[in-house]
Amino acid sequence: MILTGPEIHSRVKAGEIQIDPFDPALLSPNSYDFHLGSTIGWYTERRLDCARRNPFESHTIPSEGMLLTPDRIYLAATAQRIGSDHFVPIIRARSSVARLGLFVHVTADLIDIGSHGHLTLQLHAVQPVKIYPGLRIGQVTFWTVQGDVVLYDGKYQGATSAMPSQIHRDFEGR
């Protein structure tokens, strides 16, 4: 079951949902809009390897904006710190952003219960599109759970900026 906007507000006030900073004006009927942070990064090699750490560099998004091109995946973080030990957050693009051909979270939209931090967005532009720091880029919904809750305690916990893939760690000890 999805939480309504007023219920999200109530659960933030109760401390069951973390959105920091929180602005009630960003509530929608069943979601909360979030902003793009001020940094963005990308892999510096064209060929990526799941079994090793891939070179990655971060940059500040200029106030005058930055043009994203269709030939790569960009990683950027949300301006807000988001998480919950009681509900499952799911993130996606705002429809206004999606209508420009910008994928905000390409394949991994489900955030594990117990995960807290600045969420890493996987940005992919279908055609060149200019973005800006602080852009109201996406929305988060919160879903109730059924069954025993096991809180997330993985390799992306507590992120403060966009985190490149840590899949290479799955190969350690093989």
N, C-alpha and C. Protein backbone atom coordinates (compact mmCIF):
# COMPACT_ATOMS: atom_id res chain seq x y z
N MET A 1 0.84 -1.17 0.00
CA MET A 1 0.00 0.00 0.00
C MET A 1 0.89 1.24 0.00
N ILE A 2 0.54 2.21 -0.81
CA ILE A 2 1.31 3.45 -0.94
C ILE A 2 0.78 4.49 0.05
N LEU A 3 1.68 5.27 0.62
CA LEU A 3 1.28 6.35 1.53
C LEU A 3 0.84 7.57 0.73
N THR A 4 -0.16 8.27 1.24
CA THR A 4 -0.59 9.52 0.63
C THR A 4 0.35 10.64 1.06
N GLY A 5 0.28 11.77 0.38
CA GLY A 5 1.09 12.92 0.76
C GLY A 5 0.89 13.33 2.21
N PRO A 6 -0.37 13.49 2.66
CA PRO A 6 -0.58 13.84 4.07
C PRO A 6 -0.02 12.79 5.03
N GLU A 7 -0.07 11.52 4.65
CA GLU A 7 0.46 10.47 5.52
C GLU A 7 1.99 10.51 5.54
N ILE A 8 2.61 10.82 4.40
CA ILE A 8 4.06 11.00 4.37
C ILE A 8 4.45 12.11 5.35
N HIS A 9 3.72 13.22 5.29
CA HIS A 9 3.99 14.35 6.20
C HIS A 9 3.87 13.90 7.65
N SER A 10 2.83 13.18 7.97
CA SER A 10 2.61 12.69 9.33
C SER A 10 3.75 11.77 9.78
N ARG A 11 4.20 10.89 8.89
CA ARG A 11 5.27 9.94 9.23
C ARG A 11 6.63 10.63 9.34
N VAL A 12 6.85 11.71 8.58
CA VAL A 12 8.08 12.49 8.73
C VAL A 12 8.08 13.13 10.12
N LYS A 13 6.94 13.73 10.50
CA LYS A 13 6.85 14.37 11.82
C LYS A 13 7.03 13.36 12.94
N ALA A 14 6.59 12.11 12.73
CA ALA A 14 6.71 11.06 13.74
C ALA A 14 8.11 10.43 13.75
N GLY A 15 8.96 10.79 12.77
CA GLY A 15 10.31 10.24 12.72
C GLY A 15 10.40 8.88 12.05
N GLU A 16 9.33 8.44 11.40
CA GLU A 16 9.33 7.14 10.73
C GLU A 16 9.83 7.21 9.28
N ILE A 17 9.86 8.41 8.73
CA ILE A 17 10.42 8.67 7.40
C ILE A 17 11.39 9.82 7.57
N GLN A 18 12.57 9.67 6.98
CA GLN A 18 13.56 10.73 7.02
C GLN A 18 13.66 11.39 5.66
N ILE A 19 13.39 12.68 5.61
CA ILE A 19 13.62 13.52 4.44
C ILE A 19 14.23 14.80 4.99
N ASP A 20 15.50 15.02 4.66
CA ASP A 20 16.20 16.17 5.24
C ASP A 20 17.02 16.88 4.17
N PRO A 21 16.70 18.13 3.86
CA PRO A 21 15.66 18.93 4.48
C PRO A 21 14.27 18.56 3.95
N PHE A 22 13.26 18.80 4.78
CA PHE A 22 11.87 18.50 4.44
C PHE A 22 11.12 19.81 4.23
N ASP A 23 10.36 19.88 3.14
CA ASP A 23 9.54 21.04 2.82
C ASP A 23 8.14 20.55 2.46
N PRO A 24 7.12 20.81 3.29
CA PRO A 24 5.76 20.32 3.01
C PRO A 24 5.23 20.76 1.64
N ALA A 25 5.77 21.83 1.08
CA ALA A 25 5.32 22.30 -0.24
C ALA A 25 5.68 21.31 -1.35
N LEU A 26 6.59 20.38 -1.08
CA LEU A 26 7.01 19.41 -2.08
C LEU A 26 6.19 18.12 -2.04
N LEU A 27 5.19 18.08 -1.16
CA LEU A 27 4.30 16.91 -1.10
C LEU A 27 3.32 16.94 -2.25
N SER A 28 3.06 15.77 -2.81
CA SER A 28 2.04 15.58 -3.85
C SER A 28 0.99 14.64 -3.27
N PRO A 29 -0.05 14.31 -4.02
CA PRO A 29 -1.09 13.43 -3.47
C PRO A 29 -0.57 12.10 -2.92
N ASN A 30 0.51 11.53 -3.52
CA ASN A 30 1.04 10.26 -3.01
C ASN A 30 2.55 10.15 -3.15
N SER A 31 3.25 11.29 -3.11
CA SER A 31 4.71 11.28 -3.22
C SER A 31 5.29 12.57 -2.67
N TYR A 32 6.62 12.61 -2.67
CA TYR A 32 7.36 13.79 -2.25
C TYR A 32 8.39 14.08 -3.32
N ASP A 33 8.44 15.31 -3.82
CA ASP A 33 9.41 15.68 -4.84
C ASP A 33 10.78 15.92 -4.21
N PHE A 34 11.83 15.46 -4.88
CA PHE A 34 13.19 15.71 -4.39
C PHE A 34 13.99 16.45 -5.46
N HIS A 35 15.10 17.05 -5.00
CA HIS A 35 15.94 17.87 -5.86
C HIS A 35 17.26 17.18 -6.19
N LEU A 36 17.83 17.60 -7.30
CA LEU A 36 19.15 17.17 -7.71
C LEU A 36 20.18 17.90 -6.86
N GLY A 37 21.18 17.18 -6.39
CA GLY A 37 22.27 17.80 -5.65
C GLY A 37 23.15 18.63 -6.55
N SER A 38 24.29 19.06 -6.05
CA SER A 38 25.16 19.97 -6.80
C SER A 38 26.33 19.29 -7.50
N THR A 39 26.48 17.97 -7.31
CA THR A 39 27.59 17.28 -7.97
C THR A 39 27.08 16.16 -8.87
N ILE A 40 27.90 15.84 -9.84
CA ILE A 40 27.57 14.78 -10.80
C ILE A 40 28.88 14.07 -11.15
N GLY A 41 28.79 12.80 -11.50
CA GLY A 41 29.99 12.06 -11.86
C GLY A 41 29.73 11.08 -12.99
N TRP A 42 30.82 10.55 -13.51
CA TRP A 42 30.72 9.55 -14.58
C TRP A 42 31.99 8.72 -14.60
N TYR A 43 31.86 7.56 -15.21
CA TYR A 43 33.02 6.67 -15.38
C TYR A 43 33.91 7.24 -16.47
N THR A 44 35.21 7.15 -16.27
CA THR A 44 36.15 7.75 -17.23
C THR A 44 36.59 6.79 -18.32
N GLU A 45 36.27 5.53 -18.18
CA GLU A 45 36.57 4.56 -19.23
C GLU A 45 35.27 4.16 -19.92
N ARG A 46 35.34 3.87 -21.20
CA ARG A 46 34.15 3.49 -21.97
C ARG A 46 33.75 2.05 -21.70
N ARG A 47 34.74 1.21 -21.41
CA ARG A 47 34.46 -0.20 -21.14
C ARG A 47 34.51 -0.41 -19.63
N LEU A 48 33.41 -0.91 -19.07
CA LEU A 48 33.32 -1.12 -17.63
C LEU A 48 33.40 -2.60 -17.32
N ASP A 49 33.91 -2.92 -16.14
CA ASP A 49 34.13 -4.30 -15.73
C ASP A 49 33.51 -4.51 -14.36
N CYS A 50 32.58 -5.44 -14.25
CA CYS A 50 31.89 -5.71 -12.98
C CYS A 50 32.83 -6.23 -11.90
N ALA A 51 33.94 -6.85 -12.27
CA ALA A 51 34.83 -7.49 -11.29
C ALA A 51 35.92 -6.55 -10.77
N ARG A 52 35.94 -5.31 -11.22
CA ARG A 52 36.96 -4.38 -10.70
C ARG A 52 36.36 -3.00 -10.47
N ARG A 53 37.06 -2.21 -9.67
CA ARG A 53 36.64 -0.82 -9.44
C ARG A 53 36.87 -0.06 -10.74
N ASN A 54 35.84 0.62 -11.21
CA ASN A 54 35.95 1.37 -12.45
C ASN A 54 36.27 2.83 -12.14
N PRO A 55 37.23 3.43 -12.85
CA PRO A 55 37.58 4.83 -12.59
C PRO A 55 36.37 5.75 -12.75
N PHE A 56 36.22 6.63 -11.79
CA PHE A 56 35.04 7.50 -11.71
C PHE A 56 35.50 8.88 -11.27
N GLU A 57 34.93 9.91 -11.85
CA GLU A 57 35.27 11.27 -11.43
C GLU A 57 34.00 12.07 -11.16
N SER A 58 34.09 12.97 -10.19
CA SER A 58 32.97 13.82 -9.80
C SER A 58 33.26 15.27 -10.17
N HIS A 59 32.20 16.00 -10.47
CA HIS A 59 32.29 17.41 -10.85
C HIS A 59 31.13 18.17 -10.23
N THR A 60 31.31 19.46 -10.05
CA THR A 60 30.22 20.32 -9.60
C THR A 60 29.38 20.69 -10.82
N ILE A 61 28.07 20.64 -10.67
CA ILE A 61 27.18 21.08 -11.74
C ILE A 61 27.18 22.60 -11.72
N PRO A 62 27.59 23.26 -12.79
CA PRO A 62 27.63 24.72 -12.80
C PRO A 62 26.24 25.34 -12.60
N SER A 63 26.19 26.50 -11.99
CA SER A 63 24.90 27.15 -11.77
C SER A 63 24.20 27.47 -13.09
N GLU A 64 24.98 27.65 -14.16
CA GLU A 64 24.38 27.92 -15.46
C GLU A 64 23.93 26.64 -16.17
N GLY A 65 24.11 25.50 -15.51
CA GLY A 65 23.64 24.23 -16.03
C GLY A 65 24.72 23.40 -16.70
N MET A 66 24.36 22.17 -16.98
CA MET A 66 25.27 21.22 -17.61
C MET A 66 24.49 20.39 -18.61
N LEU A 67 25.04 20.23 -19.79
CA LEU A 67 24.40 19.45 -20.84
C LEU A 67 24.76 17.98 -20.69
N LEU A 68 23.74 17.14 -20.54
CA LEU A 68 23.94 15.69 -20.52
C LEU A 68 23.79 15.18 -21.94
N THR A 69 24.67 14.26 -22.33
CA THR A 69 24.62 13.69 -23.67
C THR A 69 24.20 12.22 -23.59
N PRO A 70 23.63 11.69 -24.65
CA PRO A 70 23.09 10.33 -24.62
C PRO A 70 24.13 9.21 -24.56
N ASP A 71 25.40 9.52 -24.67
CA ASP A 71 26.41 8.48 -24.81
C ASP A 71 26.97 7.93 -23.50
N ARG A 72 26.37 8.29 -22.36
CA ARG A 72 26.92 7.78 -21.10
C ARG A 72 25.87 7.81 -20.00
N ILE A 73 26.22 7.14 -18.91
CA ILE A 73 25.40 7.17 -17.69
C ILE A 73 26.07 8.17 -16.74
N TYR A 74 25.27 9.00 -16.13
CA TYR A 74 25.76 9.96 -15.15
C TYR A 74 25.22 9.56 -13.79
N LEU A 75 26.01 9.75 -12.76
CA LEU A 75 25.55 9.47 -11.40
C LEU A 75 25.53 10.78 -10.63
N ALA A 76 24.42 11.07 -10.00
CA ALA A 76 24.26 12.27 -9.20
C ALA A 76 23.45 11.90 -7.97
N ALA A 77 23.56 12.69 -6.93
CA ALA A 77 22.85 12.39 -5.70
C ALA A 77 21.67 13.35 -5.51
N THR A 78 20.73 12.90 -4.72
CA THR A 78 19.63 13.78 -4.32
C THR A 78 20.17 14.85 -3.37
N ALA A 79 19.58 16.02 -3.39
CA ALA A 79 19.94 17.08 -2.44
C ALA A 79 19.47 16.68 -1.03
N GLN A 80 18.37 15.95 -0.96
CA GLN A 80 17.82 15.52 0.32
C GLN A 80 18.40 14.18 0.74
N ARG A 81 18.53 14.03 2.04
CA ARG A 81 18.84 12.73 2.64
C ARG A 81 17.50 12.05 2.86
N ILE A 82 17.35 10.82 2.37
CA ILE A 82 16.05 10.13 2.38
C ILE A 82 16.23 8.72 2.92
N GLY A 83 15.26 8.23 3.69
CA GLY A 83 15.29 6.86 4.17
C GLY A 83 14.18 6.57 5.15
N SER A 84 14.00 5.29 5.46
CA SER A 84 13.00 4.88 6.44
C SER A 84 13.32 3.48 6.94
N ASP A 85 13.07 3.27 8.23
CA ASP A 85 13.16 1.92 8.80
C ASP A 85 11.78 1.27 8.86
N HIS A 86 10.76 1.97 8.34
CA HIS A 86 9.38 1.49 8.45
C HIS A 86 8.69 1.31 7.10
N PHE A 87 9.19 2.00 6.07
CA PHE A 87 8.55 1.97 4.75
C PHE A 87 9.62 1.79 3.68
N VAL A 88 9.20 1.30 2.52
CA VAL A 88 10.11 1.11 1.39
C VAL A 88 9.96 2.29 0.43
N PRO A 89 11.03 3.09 0.26
CA PRO A 89 10.98 4.19 -0.71
C PRO A 89 11.21 3.66 -2.13
N ILE A 90 10.49 4.23 -3.05
CA ILE A 90 10.69 3.95 -4.48
C ILE A 90 10.81 5.30 -5.16
N ILE A 91 11.85 5.46 -5.98
CA ILE A 91 12.07 6.75 -6.63
C ILE A 91 11.92 6.65 -8.14
N ARG A 92 11.54 7.78 -8.70
CA ARG A 92 11.37 7.86 -10.16
C ARG A 92 11.44 9.33 -10.58
N ALA A 93 11.50 9.56 -11.86
CA ALA A 93 11.52 10.92 -12.38
C ALA A 93 10.16 11.58 -12.19
N ARG A 94 10.16 12.88 -12.08
CA ARG A 94 8.91 13.63 -12.20
C ARG A 94 8.49 13.52 -13.66
N SER A 95 7.21 13.52 -13.92
CA SER A 95 6.76 13.36 -15.31
C SER A 95 7.25 14.50 -16.19
N SER A 96 7.39 15.71 -15.65
CA SER A 96 7.89 16.85 -16.43
C SER A 96 9.31 16.60 -16.91
N VAL A 97 10.11 15.94 -16.09
CA VAL A 97 11.50 15.62 -16.45
C VAL A 97 11.51 14.45 -17.45
N ALA A 98 10.70 13.46 -17.21
CA ALA A 98 10.63 12.29 -18.10
C ALA A 98 10.19 12.71 -19.51
N ARG A 99 9.35 13.71 -19.60
CA ARG A 99 8.86 14.17 -20.91
C ARG A 99 9.95 14.86 -21.73
N LEU A 100 11.08 15.15 -21.08
CA LEU A 100 12.25 15.68 -21.80
C LEU A 100 13.19 14.55 -22.22
N GLY A 101 12.83 13.31 -21.91
CA GLY A 101 13.66 12.17 -22.28
C GLY A 101 14.80 11.93 -21.32
N LEU A 102 14.66 12.39 -20.07
CA LEU A 102 15.70 12.16 -19.07
C LEU A 102 15.25 11.06 -18.13
N PHE A 103 15.96 9.94 -18.18
CA PHE A 103 15.73 8.87 -17.23
C PHE A 103 16.46 9.26 -15.95
N VAL A 104 15.77 9.24 -14.83
CA VAL A 104 16.34 9.67 -13.56
C VAL A 104 16.86 8.48 -12.76
N HIS A 105 16.23 7.38 -12.89
CA HIS A 105 16.69 6.18 -12.19
C HIS A 105 16.46 5.02 -13.13
N VAL A 106 17.49 4.68 -13.87
CA VAL A 106 17.35 3.79 -15.01
C VAL A 106 16.77 2.43 -14.64
N THR A 107 17.32 1.73 -13.66
CA THR A 107 16.81 0.38 -13.40
C THR A 107 16.60 0.05 -11.93
N ALA A 108 17.18 0.79 -11.02
CA ALA A 108 17.16 0.40 -9.61
C ALA A 108 16.38 1.42 -8.78
N ASP A 109 15.06 1.40 -8.93
CA ASP A 109 14.23 2.43 -8.28
C ASP A 109 13.82 2.08 -6.85
N LEU A 110 13.97 0.84 -6.45
CA LEU A 110 13.58 0.40 -5.12
C LEU A 110 14.72 0.65 -4.14
N ILE A 111 14.44 1.38 -3.08
CA ILE A 111 15.43 1.67 -2.05
C ILE A 111 15.10 0.75 -0.87
N ASP A 112 16.06 -0.02 -0.40
CA ASP A 112 15.79 -0.99 0.67
C ASP A 112 15.35 -0.30 1.95
N ILE A 113 14.44 -0.94 2.65
CA ILE A 113 14.03 -0.48 3.97
C ILE A 113 15.26 -0.46 4.87
N GLY A 114 15.44 0.62 5.58
CA GLY A 114 16.61 0.77 6.44
C GLY A 114 17.77 1.49 5.79
N SER A 115 17.68 1.75 4.49
CA SER A 115 18.72 2.50 3.80
C SER A 115 18.47 3.99 4.04
N HIS A 116 19.51 4.71 4.41
CA HIS A 116 19.41 6.16 4.66
C HIS A 116 20.58 6.85 4.00
N GLY A 117 20.34 7.94 3.31
CA GLY A 117 21.43 8.71 2.73
C GLY A 117 20.94 9.56 1.57
N HIS A 118 21.89 10.19 0.92
CA HIS A 118 21.60 10.91 -0.32
C HIS A 118 21.59 9.86 -1.41
N LEU A 119 20.46 9.69 -2.05
CA LEU A 119 20.28 8.60 -3.00
C LEU A 119 21.03 8.89 -4.30
N THR A 120 21.67 7.87 -4.85
CA THR A 120 22.37 8.01 -6.12
C THR A 120 21.38 7.81 -7.26
N LEU A 121 21.31 8.79 -8.12
CA LEU A 121 20.45 8.75 -9.30
C LEU A 121 21.28 8.32 -10.50
N GLN A 122 20.71 7.47 -11.32
CA GLN A 122 21.36 7.03 -12.56
C GLN A 122 20.72 7.82 -13.69
N LEU A 123 21.36 8.87 -14.13
CA LEU A 123 20.79 9.76 -15.15
C LEU A 123 21.22 9.33 -16.54
N HIS A 124 20.24 9.22 -17.43
CA HIS A 124 20.53 8.92 -18.83
C HIS A 124 19.61 9.76 -19.70
N ALA A 125 20.21 10.52 -20.61
CA ALA A 125 19.45 11.38 -21.51
C ALA A 125 19.23 10.69 -22.85
N VAL A 126 18.00 10.67 -23.32
CA VAL A 126 17.68 10.11 -24.62
C VAL A 126 18.23 11.01 -25.73
N GLN A 127 18.19 12.31 -25.49
CA GLN A 127 18.78 13.30 -26.38
C GLN A 127 19.44 14.33 -25.47
N PRO A 128 20.30 15.21 -25.98
CA PRO A 128 20.94 16.17 -25.10
C PRO A 128 19.92 16.98 -24.30
N VAL A 129 20.17 17.09 -22.99
CA VAL A 129 19.28 17.85 -22.11
C VAL A 129 20.12 18.54 -21.04
N LYS A 130 19.78 19.78 -20.74
CA LYS A 130 20.53 20.57 -19.77
C LYS A 130 19.88 20.46 -18.40
N ILE A 131 20.70 20.21 -17.39
CA ILE A 131 20.23 20.11 -16.01
C ILE A 131 20.90 21.19 -15.16
N TYR A 132 20.33 21.41 -13.98
CA TYR A 132 20.81 22.46 -13.09
C TYR A 132 20.87 21.94 -11.66
N PRO A 133 21.82 22.42 -10.86
CA PRO A 133 21.83 22.02 -9.45
C PRO A 133 20.54 22.50 -8.79
N GLY A 134 19.98 21.67 -7.93
CA GLY A 134 18.74 22.03 -7.25
C GLY A 134 17.48 21.79 -8.07
N LEU A 135 17.62 21.26 -9.29
CA LEU A 135 16.47 20.95 -10.14
C LEU A 135 15.53 20.00 -9.41
N ARG A 136 14.24 20.32 -9.40
CA ARG A 136 13.23 19.39 -8.84
C ARG A 136 13.08 18.28 -9.86
N ILE A 137 13.81 17.19 -9.64
CA ILE A 137 14.03 16.18 -10.68
C ILE A 137 13.19 14.91 -10.53
N GLY A 138 12.86 14.54 -9.30
CA GLY A 138 12.19 13.25 -9.11
C GLY A 138 11.22 13.26 -7.95
N GLN A 139 10.66 12.09 -7.72
CA GLN A 139 9.71 11.93 -6.62
C GLN A 139 9.95 10.59 -5.94
N VAL A 140 9.65 10.57 -4.65
CA VAL A 140 9.78 9.35 -3.87
C VAL A 140 8.41 8.99 -3.31
N THR A 141 8.08 7.72 -3.42
CA THR A 141 6.87 7.19 -2.80
C THR A 141 7.30 6.26 -1.68
N PHE A 142 6.40 6.03 -0.74
CA PHE A 142 6.70 5.16 0.40
C PHE A 142 5.63 4.08 0.47
N TRP A 143 6.07 2.83 0.62
CA TRP A 143 5.21 1.67 0.58
C TRP A 143 5.31 0.91 1.89
N THR A 144 4.17 0.38 2.33
CA THR A 144 4.17 -0.42 3.56
C THR A 144 4.73 -1.81 3.27
N VAL A 145 5.20 -2.45 4.33
CA VAL A 145 5.78 -3.79 4.18
C VAL A 145 4.92 -4.81 4.92
N GLN A 146 5.07 -6.05 4.54
CA GLN A 146 4.39 -7.15 5.21
C GLN A 146 5.44 -8.20 5.52
N GLY A 147 5.43 -8.69 6.73
CA GLY A 147 6.40 -9.72 7.12
C GLY A 147 7.49 -9.14 8.00
N ASP A 148 8.42 -10.00 8.37
CA ASP A 148 9.53 -9.60 9.23
C ASP A 148 10.41 -8.59 8.48
N VAL A 149 10.79 -7.54 9.18
CA VAL A 149 11.62 -6.49 8.58
C VAL A 149 13.08 -6.75 8.90
N VAL A 150 13.90 -6.78 7.87
CA VAL A 150 15.34 -6.87 8.00
C VAL A 150 15.88 -5.59 7.37
N LEU A 151 16.51 -4.74 8.19
CA LEU A 151 16.98 -3.45 7.71
C LEU A 151 18.23 -3.58 6.85
N TYR A 152 18.31 -2.76 5.84
CA TYR A 152 19.47 -2.71 4.94
C TYR A 152 20.72 -2.32 5.72
N ASP A 153 21.81 -3.00 5.43
CA ASP A 153 23.10 -2.68 6.03
C ASP A 153 24.18 -2.99 4.99
N GLY A 154 24.02 -2.41 3.81
CA GLY A 154 24.90 -2.75 2.71
C GLY A 154 25.93 -1.70 2.38
N LYS A 155 26.55 -1.88 1.23
CA LYS A 155 27.71 -1.10 0.83
C LYS A 155 27.40 0.35 0.45
N TYR A 156 26.14 0.72 0.31
CA TYR A 156 25.80 2.10 -0.06
C TYR A 156 25.19 2.88 1.11
N GLN A 157 25.12 2.26 2.28
CA GLN A 157 24.50 2.88 3.45
C GLN A 157 25.17 4.20 3.80
N GLY A 158 24.36 5.22 4.08
CA GLY A 158 24.87 6.50 4.56
C GLY A 158 25.55 7.36 3.52
N ALA A 159 25.28 7.13 2.26
CA ALA A 159 25.94 7.90 1.19
C ALA A 159 25.69 9.40 1.36
N THR A 160 26.73 10.18 1.14
CA THR A 160 26.62 11.63 1.19
C THR A 160 26.76 12.26 -0.18
N SER A 161 27.09 11.45 -1.17
CA SER A 161 27.20 11.91 -2.55
C SER A 161 26.94 10.70 -3.46
N ALA A 162 26.94 10.95 -4.76
CA ALA A 162 26.72 9.86 -5.71
C ALA A 162 27.82 8.81 -5.54
N MET A 163 27.41 7.57 -5.43
CA MET A 163 28.37 6.48 -5.26
C MET A 163 28.42 5.63 -6.53
N PRO A 164 29.61 5.47 -7.09
CA PRO A 164 29.72 4.56 -8.23
C PRO A 164 29.47 3.13 -7.79
N SER A 165 29.28 2.26 -8.75
CA SER A 165 29.00 0.85 -8.47
C SER A 165 30.06 0.23 -7.58
N GLN A 166 29.60 -0.54 -6.63
CA GLN A 166 30.48 -1.31 -5.75
C GLN A 166 30.39 -2.80 -6.05
N ILE A 167 29.88 -3.16 -7.23
CA ILE A 167 29.67 -4.56 -7.56
C ILE A 167 30.98 -5.36 -7.52
N HIS A 168 32.11 -4.68 -7.75
CA HIS A 168 33.40 -5.38 -7.70
C HIS A 168 33.63 -6.04 -6.33
N ARG A 169 33.02 -5.51 -5.29
CA ARG A 169 33.18 -6.07 -3.95
C ARG A 169 32.54 -7.45 -3.84
N ASP A 170 31.57 -7.74 -4.72
CA ASP A 170 30.95 -9.06 -4.72
C ASP A 170 31.93 -10.14 -5.17
N PHE A 171 33.01 -9.75 -5.81
CA PHE A 171 34.01 -10.70 -6.31
C PHE A 171 35.13 -10.96 -5.32
N GLU A 172 35.17 -10.20 -4.22
CA GLU A 172 36.22 -10.37 -3.22
C GLU A 172 36.12 -11.74 -2.58
N GLY A 173 37.26 -12.40 -2.42
CA GLY A 173 37.29 -13.71 -1.79
C GLY A 173 36.93 -14.87 -2.71
N ARG A 174 36.75 -14.61 -3.97
CA ARG A 174 36.42 -15.69 -4.92
C ARG A 174 37.66 -16.41 -5.34
